[in-house]
C-alpha atoms as a PDB file:
ATOM      1  CA  UNK A   1     -85.579 -64.490 -70.494  1.00  0.00           C
ATOM      2  CA  UNK A   2     -87.606 -65.984 -67.633  1.00  0.00           C
ATOM      3  CA  UNK A   3     -86.464 -63.119 -65.406  1.00  0.00           C
ATOM      4  CA  UNK A   4     -87.845 -60.534 -67.849  1.00  0.00           C
ATOM      5  CA  UNK A   5     -91.170 -62.322 -68.073  1.00  0.00           C
ATOM      6  CA  UNK A   6     -91.359 -62.527 -64.275  1.00  0.00           C
ATOM      7  CA  UNK A   7     -90.593 -58.807 -63.935  1.00  0.00           C
ATOM      8  CA  UNK A   8     -93.184 -57.896 -66.574  1.00  0.00           C
ATOM      9  CA  UNK A   9     -95.818 -60.082 -64.922  1.00  0.00           C
ATOM     10  CA  UNK A  10     -95.068 -58.621 -61.485  1.00  0.00           C
ATOM     11  CA  UNK A  11     -95.292 -55.084 -62.894  1.00  0.00           C
ATOM     12  CA  UNK A  12     -98.695 -55.780 -64.462  1.00  0.00           C
ATOM     13  CA  UNK A  13    -100.029 -57.310 -61.239  1.00  0.00           C
ATOM     14  CA  UNK A  14     -98.793 -54.429 -59.062  1.00  0.00           C
ATOM     15  CA  UNK A  15     -99.963 -51.767 -61.499  1.00  0.00           C
ATOM     16  CA  UNK A  16    -103.446 -53.283 -61.483  1.00  0.00           C
ATOM     17  CA  UNK A  17    -103.691 -52.965 -57.708  1.00  0.00           C
ATOM     18  CA  UNK A  18    -102.824 -49.272 -57.733  1.00  0.00           C
ATOM     19  CA  UNK A  19    -105.897 -47.181 -58.340  1.00  0.00           C
ATOM     20  CA  UNK A  20    -106.076 -43.421 -58.309  1.00  0.00           C
ATOM     21  CA  UNK A  21    -109.118 -41.538 -57.137  1.00  0.00           C
ATOM     22  CA  UNK A  22    -110.358 -40.004 -60.369  1.00  0.00           C
ATOM     23  CA  UNK A  23    -113.574 -38.069 -60.329  1.00  0.00           C
ATOM     24  CA  UNK A  24    -115.562 -38.329 -63.538  1.00  0.00           C
ATOM     25  CA  UNK A  25    -118.120 -35.599 -63.090  1.00  0.00           C
ATOM     26  CA  UNK A  26    -119.789 -34.048 -66.109  1.00  0.00           C
ATOM     27  CA  UNK A  27    -120.357 -30.319 -65.833  1.00  0.00           C
ATOM     28  CA  UNK A  28    -122.764 -28.140 -67.787  1.00  0.00           C
ATOM     29  CA  UNK A  29    -120.102 -25.519 -68.467  1.00  0.00           C
ATOM     30  CA  UNK A  30    -116.402 -24.898 -68.146  1.00  0.00           C
ATOM     31  CA  UNK A  31    -117.170 -22.237 -65.527  1.00  0.00           C
ATOM     32  CA  UNK A  32    -118.807 -24.879 -63.308  1.00  0.00           C
ATOM     33  CA  UNK A  33    -115.806 -27.148 -63.770  1.00  0.00           C
ATOM     34  CA  UNK A  34    -113.489 -24.304 -62.768  1.00  0.00           C
ATOM     35  CA  UNK A  35    -115.631 -23.465 -59.711  1.00  0.00           C
ATOM     36  CA  UNK A  36    -115.512 -27.129 -58.678  1.00  0.00           C
ATOM     37  CA  UNK A  37    -111.708 -27.275 -59.037  1.00  0.00           C
ATOM     38  CA  UNK A  38    -111.300 -24.059 -57.057  1.00  0.00           C
ATOM     39  CA  UNK A  39    -113.538 -25.267 -54.235  1.00  0.00           C
ATOM     40  CA  UNK A  40    -111.984 -28.721 -53.849  1.00  0.00           C
ATOM     41  CA  UNK A  41    -108.489 -27.220 -53.923  1.00  0.00           C
ATOM     42  CA  UNK A  42    -109.151 -24.523 -51.327  1.00  0.00           C
ATOM     43  CA  UNK A  43    -111.025 -26.691 -48.820  1.00  0.00           C
ATOM     44  CA  UNK A  44    -109.176 -28.976 -46.409  1.00  0.00           C
ATOM     45  CA  UNK A  45    -110.012 -32.622 -45.896  1.00  0.00           C
ATOM     46  CA  UNK A  46    -111.463 -33.122 -42.384  1.00  0.00           C
ATOM     47  CA  UNK A  47    -109.580 -36.397 -41.933  1.00  0.00           C
ATOM     48  CA  UNK A  48    -106.218 -35.395 -43.370  1.00  0.00           C
ATOM     49  CA  UNK A  49    -104.000 -32.979 -41.495  1.00  0.00           C
ATOM     50  CA  UNK A  50    -102.845 -30.752 -44.318  1.00  0.00           C
ATOM     51  CA  UNK A  51    -104.307 -31.959 -47.575  1.00  0.00           C
ATOM     52  CA  UNK A  52    -107.051 -30.433 -49.649  1.00  0.00           C
ATOM     53  CA  UNK A  53    -110.143 -32.322 -50.734  1.00  0.00           C
ATOM     54  CA  UNK A  54    -108.877 -32.617 -54.305  1.00  0.00           C
ATOM     55  CA  UNK A  55    -105.662 -34.431 -53.359  1.00  0.00           C
ATOM     56  CA  UNK A  56    -107.008 -36.629 -50.571  1.00  0.00           C
ATOM     57  CA  UNK A  57    -107.932 -40.267 -51.137  1.00  0.00           C
ATOM     58  CA  UNK A  58    -109.804 -40.500 -47.829  1.00  0.00           C
ATOM     59  CA  UNK A  59    -113.397 -41.731 -48.120  1.00  0.00           C
ATOM     60  CA  UNK A  60    -114.705 -38.532 -46.532  1.00  0.00           C
ATOM     61  CA  UNK A  61    -112.877 -36.449 -49.161  1.00  0.00           C
ATOM     62  CA  UNK A  62    -114.521 -38.500 -51.901  1.00  0.00           C
ATOM     63  CA  UNK A  63    -117.921 -37.901 -50.283  1.00  0.00           C
ATOM     64  CA  UNK A  64    -117.221 -34.185 -50.004  1.00  0.00           C
ATOM     65  CA  UNK A  65    -116.196 -33.941 -53.654  1.00  0.00           C
ATOM     66  CA  UNK A  66    -119.481 -35.619 -54.584  1.00  0.00           C
ATOM     67  CA  UNK A  67    -121.429 -33.321 -52.236  1.00  0.00           C
ATOM     68  CA  UNK A  68    -119.782 -30.238 -53.753  1.00  0.00           C
ATOM     69  CA  UNK A  69    -120.628 -31.503 -57.243  1.00  0.00           C
ATOM     70  CA  UNK A  70    -124.290 -32.021 -56.269  1.00  0.00           C
ATOM     71  CA  UNK A  71    -124.493 -28.568 -54.695  1.00  0.00           C
ATOM     72  CA  UNK A  72    -123.013 -27.000 -57.832  1.00  0.00           C
ATOM     73  CA  UNK A  73    -125.562 -28.875 -59.929  1.00  0.00           C
ATOM     74  CA  UNK A  74    -128.341 -27.405 -57.748  1.00  0.00           C
ATOM     75  CA  UNK A  75    -126.999 -23.933 -58.532  1.00  0.00           C
ATOM     76  CA  UNK A  76    -125.735 -23.033 -55.069  1.00  0.00           C
ATOM     77  CA  UNK A  77    -123.094 -20.324 -54.795  1.00  0.00           C
ATOM     78  CA  UNK A  78    -119.513 -20.912 -53.670  1.00  0.00           C
ATOM     79  CA  UNK A  79    -120.244 -19.140 -50.384  1.00  0.00           C
ATOM     80  CA  UNK A  80    -123.266 -21.362 -49.706  1.00  0.00           C
ATOM     81  CA  UNK A  81    -121.142 -24.461 -50.288  1.00  0.00           C
ATOM     82  CA  UNK A  82    -118.356 -23.194 -48.020  1.00  0.00           C
ATOM     83  CA  UNK A  83    -120.878 -22.206 -45.335  1.00  0.00           C
ATOM     84  CA  UNK A  84    -122.434 -25.669 -45.475  1.00  0.00           C
ATOM     85  CA  UNK A  85    -119.069 -27.379 -45.013  1.00  0.00           C
ATOM     86  CA  UNK A  86    -118.024 -24.994 -42.228  1.00  0.00           C
ATOM     87  CA  UNK A  87    -121.311 -25.559 -40.390  1.00  0.00           C
ATOM     88  CA  UNK A  88    -120.785 -29.299 -40.670  1.00  0.00           C
ATOM     89  CA  UNK A  89    -117.020 -29.615 -40.039  1.00  0.00           C
ATOM     90  CA  UNK A  90    -116.033 -26.306 -38.457  1.00  0.00           C
ATOM     91  CA  UNK A  91    -113.391 -23.794 -39.486  1.00  0.00           C
ATOM     92  CA  UNK A  92    -110.877 -26.633 -39.877  1.00  0.00           C
ATOM     93  CA  UNK A  93    -111.997 -27.177 -43.480  1.00  0.00           C
ATOM     94  CA  UNK A  94    -110.803 -23.671 -44.356  1.00  0.00           C
ATOM     95  CA  UNK A  95    -107.123 -23.055 -45.028  1.00  0.00           C
ATOM     96  CA  UNK A  96    -107.692 -19.421 -44.052  1.00  0.00           C
ATOM     97  CA  UNK A  97    -110.076 -19.444 -41.078  1.00  0.00           C
ATOM     98  CA  UNK A  98    -111.800 -16.137 -40.259  1.00  0.00           C
ATOM     99  CA  UNK A  99    -110.371 -13.882 -37.553  1.00  0.00           C
ATOM    100  CA  UNK A 100    -112.626 -14.449 -34.554  1.00  0.00           C
ATOM    101  CA  UNK A 101    -112.150 -14.600 -30.800  1.00  0.00           C
ATOM    102  CA  UNK A 102    -111.386 -18.315 -31.070  1.00  0.00           C
ATOM    103  CA  UNK A 103    -108.760 -17.885 -33.783  1.00  0.00           C
ATOM    104  CA  UNK A 104    -106.930 -14.792 -32.501  1.00  0.00           C
ATOM    105  CA  UNK A 105    -104.082 -16.874 -31.115  1.00  0.00           C
ATOM    106  CA  UNK A 106    -103.825 -18.735 -34.416  1.00  0.00           C
ATOM    107  CA  UNK A 107    -103.533 -15.508 -36.403  1.00  0.00           C
ATOM    108  CA  UNK A 108    -101.502 -13.303 -34.041  1.00  0.00           C
ATOM    109  CA  UNK A 109     -99.845 -15.841 -31.715  1.00  0.00           C
ATOM    110  CA  UNK A 110     -96.649 -16.321 -33.748  1.00  0.00           C
ATOM    111  CA  UNK A 111     -96.017 -12.550 -33.911  1.00  0.00           C
ATOM    112  CA  UNK A 112     -96.754 -12.161 -30.192  1.00  0.00           C
ATOM    113  CA  UNK A 113     -94.412 -15.010 -29.229  1.00  0.00           C
ATOM    114  CA  UNK A 114     -91.679 -13.694 -31.536  1.00  0.00           C
ATOM    115  CA  UNK A 115     -91.970 -10.202 -30.041  1.00  0.00           C
ATOM    116  CA  UNK A 116     -91.926 -11.604 -26.491  1.00  0.00           C
ATOM    117  CA  UNK A 117     -88.784 -13.575 -27.378  1.00  0.00           C
ATOM    118  CA  UNK A 118     -87.026 -10.434 -28.598  1.00  0.00           C
ATOM    119  CA  UNK A 119     -88.039  -8.535 -25.444  1.00  0.00           C
ATOM    120  CA  UNK A 120     -86.760 -11.381 -23.258  1.00  0.00           C
ATOM    121  CA  UNK A 121     -83.505 -11.508 -25.223  1.00  0.00           C
ATOM    122  CA  UNK A 122     -83.112  -7.736 -24.756  1.00  0.00           C
ATOM    123  CA  UNK A 123     -83.583  -8.038 -20.973  1.00  0.00           C
ATOM    124  CA  UNK A 124     -81.023 -10.833 -20.786  1.00  0.00           C
ATOM    125  CA  UNK A 125     -78.450  -8.851 -22.794  1.00  0.00           C
ATOM    126  CA  UNK A 126     -78.993  -5.694 -20.727  1.00  0.00           C
ATOM    127  CA  UNK A 127     -78.732  -7.630 -17.465  1.00  0.00           C
ATOM    128  CA  UNK A 128     -75.459  -9.267 -18.526  1.00  0.00           C
ATOM    129  CA  UNK A 129     -73.995  -5.953 -19.659  1.00  0.00           C
ATOM    130  CA  UNK A 130     -74.966  -4.375 -16.365  1.00  0.00           C
ATOM    131  CA  UNK A 131     -73.498  -7.208 -14.272  1.00  0.00           C
ATOM    132  CA  UNK A 132     -70.173  -7.209 -16.170  1.00  0.00           C
ATOM    133  CA  UNK A 133     -69.854  -3.419 -15.809  1.00  0.00           C
ATOM    134  CA  UNK A 134     -70.645  -3.662 -12.089  1.00  0.00           C
ATOM    135  CA  UNK A 135     -68.044  -6.406 -11.624  1.00  0.00           C
ATOM    136  CA  UNK A 136     -65.329  -4.324 -13.314  1.00  0.00           C
ATOM    137  CA  UNK A 137     -66.196  -1.168 -11.338  1.00  0.00           C
ATOM    138  CA  UNK A 138     -66.711  -2.982  -8.048  1.00  0.00           C
ATOM    139  CA  UNK A 139     -62.957  -3.499  -7.452  1.00  0.00           C
ATOM    140  CA  UNK A 140     -61.171  -1.616  -4.720  1.00  0.00           C
ATOM    141  CA  UNK A 141     -58.111   0.515  -5.518  1.00  0.00           C
ATOM    142  CA  UNK A 142     -55.791  -2.162  -4.073  1.00  0.00           C
ATOM    143  CA  UNK A 143     -57.419  -4.855  -6.222  1.00  0.00           C
ATOM    144  CA  UNK A 144     -57.090  -2.685  -9.327  1.00  0.00           C
ATOM    145  CA  UNK A 145     -53.336  -2.241  -8.637  1.00  0.00           C
ATOM    146  CA  UNK A 146     -52.854  -5.995  -8.173  1.00  0.00           C
ATOM    147  CA  UNK A 147     -54.762  -6.652 -11.402  1.00  0.00           C
ATOM    148  CA  UNK A 148     -52.565  -4.210 -13.335  1.00  0.00           C
ATOM    149  CA  UNK A 149     -49.430  -5.820 -11.904  1.00  0.00           C
ATOM    150  CA  UNK A 150     -50.613  -9.294 -12.905  1.00  0.00           C
ATOM    151  CA  UNK A 151     -51.476  -8.119 -16.408  1.00  0.00           C
ATOM    152  CA  UNK A 152     -48.076  -6.411 -16.805  1.00  0.00           C
ATOM    153  CA  UNK A 153     -46.286  -9.504 -15.544  1.00  0.00           C
ATOM    154  CA  UNK A 154     -48.280 -11.674 -17.947  1.00  0.00           C
ATOM    155  CA  UNK A 155     -47.448  -9.430 -20.908  1.00  0.00           C
ATOM    156  CA  UNK A 156     -43.742  -9.478 -19.965  1.00  0.00           C
ATOM    157  CA  UNK A 157     -43.744 -13.287 -19.844  1.00  0.00           C
ATOM    158  CA  UNK A 158     -45.309 -13.425 -23.293  1.00  0.00           C
ATOM    159  CA  UNK A 159     -42.598 -11.181 -24.788  1.00  0.00           C
ATOM    160  CA  UNK A 160     -39.860 -13.533 -23.714  1.00  0.00           C
END
């Protein structure tokens, strides 16, 4: 019985220390609430590597959620909010950064490297095919006769 009481007490103490980041913002309309959810889910937390603002518990993510709420309350458009965050934190806050000179490698690099790998693989295969064909054709007539004799002798030994 004491063990159960100890477990229950420990559970209550540990559960009290766990706090989730819950935003309690009051919106004028359901459309504003939906715009808020869309924005915080499509923008990346500047501190976290791959987490959106909605899911991050980082202090900066909490500040950004509050900033987005205030900007929505002022009546700013989604594009104005995104532009503000991009001007402040760079294209990193966007999951889909725009195609610019700085992001060309990000957008097209994987396809370029994959294509270069296939071209390199093709050259290697062609070179090996060419070298094996040259080695087989580079034998003199005497060497070809000796090779045939060895192969015939080997096949005779295997039959026995």
